[in-house]
Amino acid sequence: MSADLRLFQQKILEFIDVCNDGYAILAADDTLLGCNQSFADLFYQDYQTLQGIHFDELMRRSFHERKGIRIEAADIELWLQDAHQRRRQNPFRLFEVDLIDGRWFLMSEQLLPSGEMLLQAKEITKQKVLENQLHSRVASLSELALTDELTKVANRRCFVESTNTELGRCQRLNLPTALLLLDLDFFKSVNDLYGHQAGDDVLKATAHRIKKALREYDIFGRIGGEEFAVFLSETCPQTALQVAERIRALLAGFPIKAGSVELCITVSIGIALGQGDCTFEDLYTKADSALYTAKRNGRNRAELYQLI
């Protein structure tokens, strides 16, 4: 071996020894031939004590002592079986691991034809924190885009998209559906007499009460202003009328506290039944017509769309 090559190897070893990245070399039988202190720090060990330890024993120690790599398993032996099915299958593998102490590392495995494996561990905690913050921000923005800010129920866009998806499913399975269109009676007078804050209190309380009257899988949203809508899948006409009456009675039977006053709020409801290949627009037009009939017939009532 030339002097230049020996110098090069010495410098590589010196670099690895002080490097912040963890390095380890495993033999073909998965015993640890050596590692730097940065790698040993992942397991809260001294690098000299890890010399000759088997991969399985290192993982068992980490699992039982709750130090090092986070192992989400009830049985370490089953976890090791699964790990061995993924390890050494390709010349190179890249994956992320998180530690019990909250740190994250990007791990790379480089496999030599002779069976030895070079492990590198690069800390990516800051990147993961930023990534999680970004995901949280995106989720918040997505929720804002699909949720009515005042009542915290689905907004018009979300309601229409969700209804179209469920409507398509019901049509493929030939299941009955219903669309309920709800409009608060004389709502303008609430804003005129008591102010917009009182109006907002009424809308929030109304949304809360309607949700209580629905099944968990019913689709509910605020269409705009004082208008709400409910889509009922797998629902016959009798059930649709029962749901509408339950909503109507729940609102009319109990005053709503709006600021310093209690207001008796009623709702008019138009019901359209899904038939064949009807579209959301078809259902909405029919429900709106039935809603107009409910208003014309005295309000505080539900009307089923009738073809005249």
C-alpha atoms as a PDB file:
ATOM      1  CA  MET A   1       0.000   0.000   0.000  1.00  0.00           C
ATOM      2  CA  SER A   2       1.391   3.364  -0.995  1.00  0.00           C
ATOM      3  CA  ALA A   3       2.066   6.119   1.516  1.00  0.00           C
ATOM      4  CA  ASP A   4      -0.485   8.346  -0.227  1.00  0.00           C
ATOM      5  CA  LEU A   5      -3.218   5.692   0.096  1.00  0.00           C
ATOM      6  CA  ARG A   6      -2.426   5.110   3.784  1.00  0.00           C
ATOM      7  CA  LEU A   7      -2.604   8.864   4.378  1.00  0.00           C
ATOM      8  CA  PHE A   8      -5.897   9.049   2.576  1.00  0.00           C
ATOM      9  CA  GLN A   9      -7.362   6.224   4.678  1.00  0.00           C
ATOM     10  CA  GLN A  10      -6.075   7.828   7.862  1.00  0.00           C
ATOM     11  CA  LYS A  11      -7.718  11.128   6.965  1.00  0.00           C
ATOM     12  CA  ILE A  12     -10.992   9.368   6.195  1.00  0.00           C
ATOM     13  CA  LEU A  13     -10.919   7.717   9.626  1.00  0.00           C
ATOM     14  CA  GLU A  14     -10.112  11.017  11.310  1.00  0.00           C
ATOM     15  CA  PHE A  15     -12.949  12.697   9.470  1.00  0.00           C
ATOM     16  CA  ILE A  16     -15.462   9.987  10.401  1.00  0.00           C
ATOM     17  CA  ASP A  17     -14.314  10.115  14.021  1.00  0.00           C
ATOM     18  CA  VAL A  18     -15.208  13.795  14.409  1.00  0.00           C
ATOM     19  CA  CYS A  19     -18.104  13.893  11.940  1.00  0.00           C
ATOM     20  CA  ASN A  20     -21.580  14.779  13.221  1.00  0.00           C
ATOM     21  CA  ASP A  21     -23.059  12.075  10.982  1.00  0.00           C
ATOM     22  CA  GLY A  22     -23.119   8.573  12.383  1.00  0.00           C
ATOM     23  CA  TYR A  23     -21.197   5.838  10.582  1.00  0.00           C
ATOM     24  CA  ALA A  24     -21.133   2.108  11.234  1.00  0.00           C
ATOM     25  CA  ILE A  25     -19.957  -0.991   9.384  1.00  0.00           C
ATOM     26  CA  LEU A  26     -21.749  -4.317   9.825  1.00  0.00           C
ATOM     27  CA  ALA A  27     -20.286  -7.659   8.826  1.00  0.00           C
ATOM     28  CA  ALA A  28     -22.164 -10.060   6.573  1.00  0.00           C
ATOM     29  CA  ASP A  29     -23.553 -11.792   9.679  1.00  0.00           C
ATOM     30  CA  ASP A  30     -24.848  -8.434  11.016  1.00  0.00           C
ATOM     31  CA  THR A  31     -22.282  -8.011  13.783  1.00  0.00           C
ATOM     32  CA  LEU A  32     -20.958  -4.484  14.227  1.00  0.00           C
ATOM     33  CA  LEU A  33     -17.375  -4.216  13.037  1.00  0.00           C
ATOM     34  CA  GLY A  34     -17.054  -0.624  14.177  1.00  0.00           C
ATOM     35  CA  CYS A  35     -18.733   2.761  14.390  1.00  0.00           C
ATOM     36  CA  ASN A  36     -17.980   6.343  15.309  1.00  0.00           C
ATOM     37  CA  GLN A  37     -19.237   8.023  18.468  1.00  0.00           C
ATOM     38  CA  SER A  38     -21.941   9.905  16.576  1.00  0.00           C
ATOM     39  CA  PHE A  39     -23.529   6.579  15.617  1.00  0.00           C
ATOM     40  CA  ALA A  40     -23.162   5.222  19.155  1.00  0.00           C
ATOM     41  CA  ASP A  41     -24.865   8.381  20.457  1.00  0.00           C
ATOM     42  CA  LEU A  42     -28.070   7.274  18.725  1.00  0.00           C
ATOM     43  CA  PHE A  43     -28.247   4.482  21.286  1.00  0.00           C
ATOM     44  CA  TYR A  44     -26.768   6.384  24.255  1.00  0.00           C
ATOM     45  CA  GLN A  45     -23.717   4.102  24.194  1.00  0.00           C
ATOM     46  CA  ASP A  46     -19.966   4.449  23.972  1.00  0.00           C
ATOM     47  CA  TYR A  47     -18.695   3.377  20.561  1.00  0.00           C
ATOM     48  CA  GLN A  48     -16.142   1.006  22.099  1.00  0.00           C
ATOM     49  CA  THR A  49     -18.836  -0.998  23.912  1.00  0.00           C
ATOM     50  CA  LEU A  50     -20.695  -1.630  20.643  1.00  0.00           C
ATOM     51  CA  GLN A  51     -17.786  -3.404  18.972  1.00  0.00           C
ATOM     52  CA  GLY A  52     -18.923  -6.910  17.960  1.00  0.00           C
ATOM     53  CA  ILE A  53     -22.570  -6.477  19.011  1.00  0.00           C
ATOM     54  CA  HIS A  54     -25.145  -8.093  16.726  1.00  0.00           C
ATOM     55  CA  PHE A  55     -27.766  -5.922  15.021  1.00  0.00           C
ATOM     56  CA  ASP A  56     -30.585  -7.864  16.697  1.00  0.00           C
ATOM     57  CA  GLU A  57     -29.082  -7.411  20.156  1.00  0.00           C
ATOM     58  CA  LEU A  58     -28.602  -3.687  19.573  1.00  0.00           C
ATOM     59  CA  MET A  59     -32.289  -3.352  18.632  1.00  0.00           C
ATOM     60  CA  ARG A  60     -33.391  -5.457  21.598  1.00  0.00           C
ATOM     61  CA  ARG A  61     -31.358  -3.265  23.921  1.00  0.00           C
ATOM     62  CA  SER A  62     -32.868  -0.117  22.423  1.00  0.00           C
ATOM     63  CA  PHE A  63     -36.368  -1.590  22.768  1.00  0.00           C
ATOM     64  CA  HIS A  64     -36.081  -2.740  26.380  1.00  0.00           C
ATOM     65  CA  GLU A  65     -34.129   0.261  27.676  1.00  0.00           C
ATOM     66  CA  ARG A  66     -36.302   2.725  25.738  1.00  0.00           C
ATOM     67  CA  LYS A  67     -33.178   4.460  24.479  1.00  0.00           C
ATOM     68  CA  GLY A  68     -32.386   5.069  20.851  1.00  0.00           C
ATOM     69  CA  ILE A  69     -34.582   4.249  17.890  1.00  0.00           C
ATOM     70  CA  ARG A  70     -38.320   4.382  18.510  1.00  0.00           C
ATOM     71  CA  ILE A  71     -39.704   0.899  17.894  1.00  0.00           C
ATOM     72  CA  GLU A  72     -43.489   0.967  17.576  1.00  0.00           C
ATOM     73  CA  ALA A  73     -44.163  -2.675  18.379  1.00  0.00           C
ATOM     74  CA  ALA A  74     -45.424  -4.776  21.253  1.00  0.00           C
ATOM     75  CA  ASP A  75     -43.120  -7.682  20.408  1.00  0.00           C
ATOM     76  CA  ILE A  76     -39.497  -6.927  19.505  1.00  0.00           C
ATOM     77  CA  GLU A  77     -38.985 -10.378  17.947  1.00  0.00           C
ATOM     78  CA  LEU A  78     -41.844  -9.824  15.488  1.00  0.00           C
ATOM     79  CA  TRP A  79     -40.409  -6.396  14.723  1.00  0.00           C
ATOM     80  CA  LEU A  80     -37.004  -7.937  13.995  1.00  0.00           C
ATOM     81  CA  GLN A  81     -38.558 -10.512  11.673  1.00  0.00           C
ATOM     82  CA  ASP A  82     -40.185  -7.709   9.710  1.00  0.00           C
ATOM     83  CA  ALA A  83     -36.967  -5.668   9.693  1.00  0.00           C
ATOM     84  CA  HIS A  84     -34.947  -8.575   8.276  1.00  0.00           C
ATOM     85  CA  GLN A  85     -37.430  -8.948   5.438  1.00  0.00           C
ATOM     86  CA  ARG A  86     -36.629  -5.392   4.352  1.00  0.00           C
ATOM     87  CA  ARG A  87     -32.908  -5.231   5.101  1.00  0.00           C
ATOM     88  CA  ARG A  88     -30.229  -6.422   2.641  1.00  0.00           C
ATOM     89  CA  GLN A  89     -32.735  -6.807  -0.182  1.00  0.00           C
ATOM     90  CA  ASN A  90     -31.118  -4.098  -2.327  1.00  0.00           C
ATOM     91  CA  PRO A  91     -27.596  -2.712  -2.670  1.00  0.00           C
ATOM     92  CA  PHE A  92     -28.820   0.650  -1.351  1.00  0.00           C
ATOM     93  CA  ARG A  93     -31.663   1.661   0.933  1.00  0.00           C
ATOM     94  CA  LEU A  94     -32.721   5.062   2.281  1.00  0.00           C
ATOM     95  CA  PHE A  95     -35.224   5.558   5.111  1.00  0.00           C
ATOM     96  CA  GLU A  96     -36.090   7.771   8.080  1.00  0.00           C
ATOM     97  CA  VAL A  97     -36.129   6.847  11.766  1.00  0.00           C
ATOM     98  CA  ASP A  98     -37.138   8.809  14.840  1.00  0.00           C
ATOM     99  CA  LEU A  99     -35.594   8.440  18.274  1.00  0.00           C
ATOM    100  CA  ILE A 100     -37.231   8.200  21.684  1.00  0.00           C
ATOM    101  CA  ASP A 101     -35.756  11.612  22.525  1.00  0.00           C
ATOM    102  CA  GLY A 102     -37.544  13.247  19.558  1.00  0.00           C
ATOM    103  CA  ARG A 103     -34.658  13.460  17.106  1.00  0.00           C
ATOM    104  CA  TRP A 104     -35.014  12.322  13.485  1.00  0.00           C
ATOM    105  CA  PHE A 105     -32.338  10.740  11.286  1.00  0.00           C
ATOM    106  CA  LEU A 106     -32.065   9.917   7.617  1.00  0.00           C
ATOM    107  CA  MET A 107     -30.491   6.462   7.399  1.00  0.00           C
ATOM    108  CA  SER A 108     -28.717   4.981   4.389  1.00  0.00           C
ATOM    109  CA  GLU A 109     -27.570   1.401   3.967  1.00  0.00           C
ATOM    110  CA  GLN A 110     -24.891   0.648   1.367  1.00  0.00           C
ATOM    111  CA  LEU A 111     -24.380  -3.095   0.809  1.00  0.00           C
ATOM    112  CA  LEU A 112     -21.125  -4.462  -0.611  1.00  0.00           C
ATOM    113  CA  PRO A 113     -21.040  -7.621  -2.775  1.00  0.00           C
ATOM    114  CA  SER A 114     -19.096  -9.328   0.043  1.00  0.00           C
ATOM    115  CA  GLY A 115     -21.995  -8.723   2.464  1.00  0.00           C
ATOM    116  CA  GLU A 116     -20.591  -5.895   4.586  1.00  0.00           C
ATOM    117  CA  MET A 117     -22.913  -2.971   5.071  1.00  0.00           C
ATOM    118  CA  LEU A 118     -22.086   0.690   5.576  1.00  0.00           C
ATOM    119  CA  LEU A 119     -24.634   2.595   7.648  1.00  0.00           C
ATOM    120  CA  GLN A 120     -24.845   6.372   7.671  1.00  0.00           C
ATOM    121  CA  ALA A 121     -27.135   8.367   9.977  1.00  0.00           C
ATOM    122  CA  LYS A 122     -27.689  12.051   9.224  1.00  0.00           C
ATOM    123  CA  GLU A 123     -29.757  14.138  11.627  1.00  0.00           C
ATOM    124  CA  ILE A 124     -32.771  15.801   9.991  1.00  0.00           C
ATOM    125  CA  THR A 125     -34.661  16.963  13.095  1.00  0.00           C
ATOM    126  CA  LYS A 126     -34.885  20.591  11.957  1.00  0.00           C
ATOM    127  CA  GLN A 127     -36.135  19.552   8.540  1.00  0.00           C
ATOM    128  CA  LYS A 128     -38.791  17.281  10.091  1.00  0.00           C
ATOM    129  CA  VAL A 129     -39.964  20.063  12.399  1.00  0.00           C
ATOM    130  CA  LEU A 130     -40.339  22.382   9.415  1.00  0.00           C
ATOM    131  CA  GLU A 131     -42.020  19.615   7.436  1.00  0.00           C
ATOM    132  CA  ASN A 132     -44.535  18.958  10.213  1.00  0.00           C
ATOM    133  CA  GLN A 133     -45.219  22.681  10.549  1.00  0.00           C
ATOM    134  CA  LEU A 134     -45.796  22.890   6.801  1.00  0.00           C
ATOM    135  CA  HIS A 135     -48.146  19.905   6.846  1.00  0.00           C
ATOM    136  CA  SER A 136     -50.035  21.453   9.758  1.00  0.00           C
ATOM    137  CA  ARG A 137     -50.316  24.761   7.912  1.00  0.00           C
ATOM    138  CA  VAL A 138     -51.528  23.050   4.730  1.00  0.00           C
ATOM    139  CA  ALA A 139     -54.092  21.076   6.724  1.00  0.00           C
ATOM    140  CA  SER A 140     -55.296  24.274   8.410  1.00  0.00           C
ATOM    141  CA  LEU A 141     -55.576  26.076   5.082  1.00  0.00           C
ATOM    142  CA  SER A 142     -57.416  23.112   3.589  1.00  0.00           C
ATOM    143  CA  GLU A 143     -59.838  23.102   6.505  1.00  0.00           C
ATOM    144  CA  LEU A 144     -60.403  26.834   6.102  1.00  0.00           C
ATOM    145  CA  ALA A 145     -61.077  26.355   2.395  1.00  0.00           C
ATOM    146  CA  LEU A 146     -63.729  23.699   3.095  1.00  0.00           C
ATOM    147  CA  THR A 147     -65.275  24.976   6.343  1.00  0.00           C
ATOM    148  CA  ASP A 148     -67.654  27.820   6.966  1.00  0.00           C
ATOM    149  CA  GLU A 149     -65.730  30.159   9.241  1.00  0.00           C
ATOM    150  CA  LEU A 150     -68.693  31.164  11.395  1.00  0.00           C
ATOM    151  CA  THR A 151     -70.553  27.909  11.978  1.00  0.00           C
ATOM    152  CA  LYS A 152     -67.606  25.486  11.547  1.00  0.00           C
ATOM    153  CA  VAL A 153     -69.648  23.202   9.272  1.00  0.00           C
ATOM    154  CA  ALA A 154     -68.974  22.468   5.608  1.00  0.00           C
ATOM    155  CA  ASN A 155     -69.146  25.499   3.340  1.00  0.00           C
ATOM    156  CA  ARG A 156     -71.016  25.489   0.026  1.00  0.00           C
ATOM    157  CA  ARG A 157     -68.064  24.210  -2.008  1.00  0.00           C
ATOM    158  CA  CYS A 158     -67.329  21.356   0.383  1.00  0.00           C
ATOM    159  CA  PHE A 159     -70.995  20.441   0.692  1.00  0.00           C
ATOM    160  CA  VAL A 160     -71.533  20.285  -3.068  1.00  0.00           C
ATOM    161  CA  GLU A 161     -68.367  18.224  -3.650  1.00  0.00           C
ATOM    162  CA  SER A 162     -69.196  15.772  -0.849  1.00  0.00           C
ATOM    163  CA  THR A 163     -72.797  15.461  -1.991  1.00  0.00           C
ATOM    164  CA  ASN A 164     -71.824  14.805  -5.604  1.00  0.00           C
ATOM    165  CA  THR A 165     -69.483  12.018  -4.498  1.00  0.00           C
ATOM    166  CA  GLU A 166     -72.097  10.353  -2.292  1.00  0.00           C
ATOM    167  CA  LEU A 167     -74.845  10.913  -4.863  1.00  0.00           C
ATOM    168  CA  GLY A 168     -72.780   9.073  -7.472  1.00  0.00           C
ATOM    169  CA  ARG A 169     -72.254   6.142  -5.098  1.00  0.00           C
ATOM    170  CA  CYS A 170     -75.950   5.900  -4.304  1.00  0.00           C
ATOM    171  CA  GLN A 171     -76.876   6.023  -7.973  1.00  0.00           C
ATOM    172  CA  ARG A 172     -74.470   3.202  -8.829  1.00  0.00           C
ATOM    173  CA  LEU A 173     -76.043   1.073  -6.079  1.00  0.00           C
ATOM    174  CA  ASN A 174     -79.587   2.244  -6.892  1.00  0.00           C
ATOM    175  CA  LEU A 175     -80.078   3.680  -3.393  1.00  0.00           C
ATOM    176  CA  PRO A 176     -82.644   6.400  -2.557  1.00  0.00           C
ATOM    177  CA  THR A 177     -81.419   9.858  -1.520  1.00  0.00           C
ATOM    178  CA  ALA A 178     -82.855  13.154  -0.340  1.00  0.00           C
ATOM    179  CA  LEU A 179     -81.726  16.769  -0.235  1.00  0.00           C
ATOM    180  CA  LEU A 180     -83.064  19.078   2.459  1.00  0.00           C
ATOM    181  CA  LEU A 181     -82.803  22.827   1.936  1.00  0.00           C
ATOM    182  CA  LEU A 182     -83.326  24.861   5.123  1.00  0.00           C
ATOM    183  CA  ASP A 183     -83.880  28.592   5.468  1.00  0.00           C
ATOM    184  CA  LEU A 184     -84.358  30.449   8.763  1.00  0.00           C
ATOM    185  CA  ASP A 185     -87.653  32.320   8.955  1.00  0.00           C
ATOM    186  CA  PHE A 186     -87.539  36.123   9.252  1.00  0.00           C
ATOM    187  CA  PHE A 187     -83.809  36.062   9.844  1.00  0.00           C
ATOM    188  CA  LYS A 188     -83.347  39.554   8.427  1.00  0.00           C
ATOM    189  CA  SER A 189     -85.383  40.949  11.317  1.00  0.00           C
ATOM    190  CA  VAL A 190     -82.901  39.423  13.794  1.00  0.00           C
ATOM    191  CA  ASN A 191     -80.049  41.430  12.280  1.00  0.00           C
ATOM    192  CA  ASP A 192     -82.203  44.561  11.962  1.00  0.00           C
ATOM    193  CA  LEU A 193     -83.532  44.477  15.540  1.00  0.00           C
ATOM    194  CA  TYR A 194     -80.632  43.011  17.518  1.00  0.00           C
ATOM    195  CA  GLY A 195     -77.539  43.487  15.372  1.00  0.00           C
ATOM    196  CA  HIS A 196     -75.289  41.237  13.338  1.00  0.00           C
ATOM    197  CA  GLN A 197     -73.611  39.723  16.408  1.00  0.00           C
ATOM    198  CA  ALA A 198     -76.984  38.368  17.504  1.00  0.00           C
ATOM    199  CA  GLY A 199     -77.487  37.089  13.969  1.00  0.00           C
ATOM    200  CA  ASP A 200     -74.149  35.297  14.119  1.00  0.00           C
ATOM    201  CA  ASP A 201     -75.096  33.728  17.476  1.00  0.00           C
ATOM    202  CA  VAL A 202     -78.328  32.451  15.929  1.00  0.00           C
ATOM    203  CA  LEU A 203     -76.516  30.935  12.932  1.00  0.00           C
ATOM    204  CA  LYS A 204     -73.946  29.179  15.133  1.00  0.00           C
ATOM    205  CA  ALA A 205     -76.611  27.781  17.462  1.00  0.00           C
ATOM    206  CA  THR A 206     -78.735  26.701  14.499  1.00  0.00           C
ATOM    207  CA  ALA A 207     -75.841  24.788  12.926  1.00  0.00           C
ATOM    208  CA  HIS A 208     -75.117  23.083  16.254  1.00  0.00           C
ATOM    209  CA  ARG A 209     -78.732  21.978  16.705  1.00  0.00           C
ATOM    210  CA  ILE A 210     -79.091  20.699  13.153  1.00  0.00           C
ATOM    211  CA  LYS A 211     -75.954  18.565  13.557  1.00  0.00           C
ATOM    212  CA  LYS A 212     -77.455  17.020  16.701  1.00  0.00           C
ATOM    213  CA  ALA A 213     -80.511  15.947  14.699  1.00  0.00           C
ATOM    214  CA  LEU A 214     -78.505  14.157  11.992  1.00  0.00           C
ATOM    215  CA  ARG A 215     -76.862  10.786  11.599  1.00  0.00           C
ATOM    216  CA  GLU A 216     -73.070  10.691  11.755  1.00  0.00           C
ATOM    217  CA  TYR A 217     -72.744  10.028   8.014  1.00  0.00           C
ATOM    218  CA  ASP A 218     -75.249  12.641   6.812  1.00  0.00           C
ATOM    219  CA  ILE A 219     -73.713  15.538   4.870  1.00  0.00           C
ATOM    220  CA  PHE A 220     -74.439  18.964   6.314  1.00  0.00           C
ATOM    221  CA  GLY A 221     -73.328  22.421   5.279  1.00  0.00           C
ATOM    222  CA  ARG A 222     -74.060  26.114   5.187  1.00  0.00           C
ATOM    223  CA  ILE A 223     -74.977  27.123   1.653  1.00  0.00           C
ATOM    224  CA  GLY A 224     -74.908  30.843   2.306  1.00  0.00           C
ATOM    225  CA  GLY A 225     -76.503  33.501   4.492  1.00  0.00           C
ATOM    226  CA  GLU A 226     -79.183  31.855   6.618  1.00  0.00           C
ATOM    227  CA  GLU A 227     -79.524  28.863   4.280  1.00  0.00           C
ATOM    228  CA  PHE A 228     -78.321  25.367   5.216  1.00  0.00           C
ATOM    229  CA  ALA A 229     -78.522  22.042   3.401  1.00  0.00           C
ATOM    230  CA  VAL A 230     -78.514  18.367   4.361  1.00  0.00           C
ATOM    231  CA  PHE A 231     -77.930  15.415   2.037  1.00  0.00           C
ATOM    232  CA  LEU A 232     -79.318  12.085   3.190  1.00  0.00           C
ATOM    233  CA  SER A 233     -78.064   8.924   1.498  1.00  0.00           C
ATOM    234  CA  GLU A 234     -79.926   5.612   1.569  1.00  0.00           C
ATOM    235  CA  THR A 235     -83.023   7.487   2.722  1.00  0.00           C
ATOM    236  CA  CYS A 236     -86.650   6.844   1.812  1.00  0.00           C
ATOM    237  CA  PRO A 237     -89.251   9.673   1.644  1.00  0.00           C
ATOM    238  CA  GLN A 238     -90.671   8.795   5.067  1.00  0.00           C
ATOM    239  CA  THR A 239     -87.248   8.994   6.729  1.00  0.00           C
ATOM    240  CA  ALA A 240     -86.453  12.265   4.958  1.00  0.00           C
ATOM    241  CA  LEU A 241     -89.673  13.771   6.307  1.00  0.00           C
ATOM    242  CA  GLN A 242     -88.904  12.469   9.793  1.00  0.00           C
ATOM    243  CA  VAL A 243     -85.424  14.025   9.765  1.00  0.00           C
ATOM    244  CA  ALA A 244     -86.826  17.330   8.515  1.00  0.00           C
ATOM    245  CA  GLU A 245     -89.487  17.342  11.246  1.00  0.00           C
ATOM    246  CA  ARG A 246     -86.887  16.504  13.892  1.00  0.00           C
ATOM    247  CA  ILE A 247     -84.792  19.496  12.794  1.00  0.00           C
ATOM    248  CA  ARG A 248     -87.814  21.789  12.652  1.00  0.00           C
ATOM    249  CA  ALA A 249     -89.025  20.784  16.111  1.00  0.00           C
ATOM    250  CA  LEU A 250     -85.561  21.040  17.653  1.00  0.00           C
ATOM    251  CA  LEU A 251     -85.224  24.638  16.460  1.00  0.00           C
ATOM    252  CA  ALA A 252     -88.788  25.783  17.162  1.00  0.00           C
ATOM    253  CA  GLY A 253     -89.057  24.123  20.559  1.00  0.00           C
ATOM    254  CA  PHE A 254     -86.191  25.873  22.335  1.00  0.00           C
ATOM    255  CA  PRO A 255     -85.251  29.583  22.260  1.00  0.00           C
ATOM    256  CA  ILE A 256     -81.765  30.535  21.142  1.00  0.00           C
ATOM    257  CA  LYS A 257     -79.706  32.841  23.332  1.00  0.00           C
ATOM    258  CA  ALA A 258     -78.284  35.649  21.223  1.00  0.00           C
ATOM    259  CA  GLY A 259     -76.356  38.111  23.321  1.00  0.00           C
ATOM    260  CA  SER A 260     -78.655  39.409  26.048  1.00  0.00           C
ATOM    261  CA  VAL A 261     -81.878  38.154  24.453  1.00  0.00           C
ATOM    262  CA  GLU A 262     -83.509  34.801  23.801  1.00  0.00           C
ATOM    263  CA  LEU A 263     -85.085  34.399  20.385  1.00  0.00           C
ATOM    264  CA  CYS A 264     -87.587  31.894  19.073  1.00  0.00           C
ATOM    265  CA  ILE A 265     -86.218  30.794  15.706  1.00  0.00           C
ATOM    266  CA  THR A 266     -88.070  28.659  13.191  1.00  0.00           C
ATOM    267  CA  VAL A 267     -87.004  27.137   9.906  1.00  0.00           C
ATOM    268  CA  SER A 268     -88.680  26.280   6.617  1.00  0.00           C
ATOM    269  CA  ILE A 269     -87.499  23.160   4.843  1.00  0.00           C
ATOM    270  CA  GLY A 270     -87.779  21.990   1.243  1.00  0.00           C
ATOM    271  CA  ILE A 271     -87.184  18.307   0.463  1.00  0.00           C
ATOM    272  CA  ALA A 272     -86.225  16.789  -2.893  1.00  0.00           C
ATOM    273  CA  LEU A 273     -85.910  13.050  -3.457  1.00  0.00           C
ATOM    274  CA  GLY A 274     -83.191  11.525  -5.614  1.00  0.00           C
ATOM    275  CA  GLN A 275     -84.511   9.617  -8.591  1.00  0.00           C
ATOM    276  CA  GLY A 276     -82.422   7.781 -11.174  1.00  0.00           C
ATOM    277  CA  ASP A 277     -79.581   9.801 -12.648  1.00  0.00           C
ATOM    278  CA  CYS A 278     -80.578  13.153 -11.178  1.00  0.00           C
ATOM    279  CA  THR A 279     -77.801  15.670 -10.601  1.00  0.00           C
ATOM    280  CA  PHE A 280     -77.112  17.848  -7.577  1.00  0.00           C
ATOM    281  CA  GLU A 281     -78.431  20.803  -9.566  1.00  0.00           C
ATOM    282  CA  ASP A 282     -81.686  18.917 -10.183  1.00  0.00           C
ATOM    283  CA  LEU A 283     -82.071  18.137  -6.491  1.00  0.00           C
ATOM    284  CA  TYR A 284     -81.232  21.683  -5.468  1.00  0.00           C
ATOM    285  CA  THR A 285     -83.773  23.192  -7.898  1.00  0.00           C
ATOM    286  CA  LYS A 286     -86.519  20.888  -6.631  1.00  0.00           C
ATOM    287  CA  ALA A 287     -85.624  21.429  -2.968  1.00  0.00           C
ATOM    288  CA  ASP A 288     -85.601  25.185  -3.536  1.00  0.00           C
ATOM    289  CA  SER A 289     -89.061  24.970  -5.097  1.00  0.00           C
ATOM    290  CA  ALA A 290     -90.327  22.955  -2.121  1.00  0.00           C
ATOM    291  CA  LEU A 291     -88.731  25.479   0.238  1.00  0.00           C
ATOM    292  CA  TYR A 292     -90.617  28.280  -1.498  1.00  0.00           C
ATOM    293  CA  THR A 293     -93.835  26.295  -0.986  1.00  0.00           C
ATOM    294  CA  ALA A 294     -93.048  25.935   2.746  1.00  0.00           C
ATOM    295  CA  LYS A 295     -92.561  29.700   3.024  1.00  0.00           C
ATOM    296  CA  ARG A 296     -95.752  30.398   1.127  1.00  0.00           C
ATOM    297  CA  ASN A 297     -97.738  27.987   3.302  1.00  0.00           C
ATOM    298  CA  GLY A 298     -96.891  29.738   6.542  1.00  0.00           C
ATOM    299  CA  ARG A 299     -93.222  28.896   7.345  1.00  0.00           C
ATOM    300  CA  ASN A 300     -91.995  26.697  10.204  1.00  0.00           C
ATOM    301  CA  ARG A 301     -92.795  23.604   8.178  1.00  0.00           C
ATOM    302  CA  ALA A 302     -91.285  21.057   5.785  1.00  0.00           C
ATOM    303  CA  GLU A 303     -92.599  20.459   2.271  1.00  0.00           C
ATOM    304  CA  LEU A 304     -91.808  17.605  -0.094  1.00  0.00           C
ATOM    305  CA  TYR A 305     -91.266  18.553  -3.722  1.00  0.00           C
ATOM    306  CA  GLN A 306     -94.270  17.644  -5.789  1.00  0.00           C
ATOM    307  CA  LEU A 307     -94.290  17.598  -9.583  1.00  0.00           C
ATOM    308  CA  ILE A 308     -97.245  19.781 -10.596  1.00  0.00           C
END
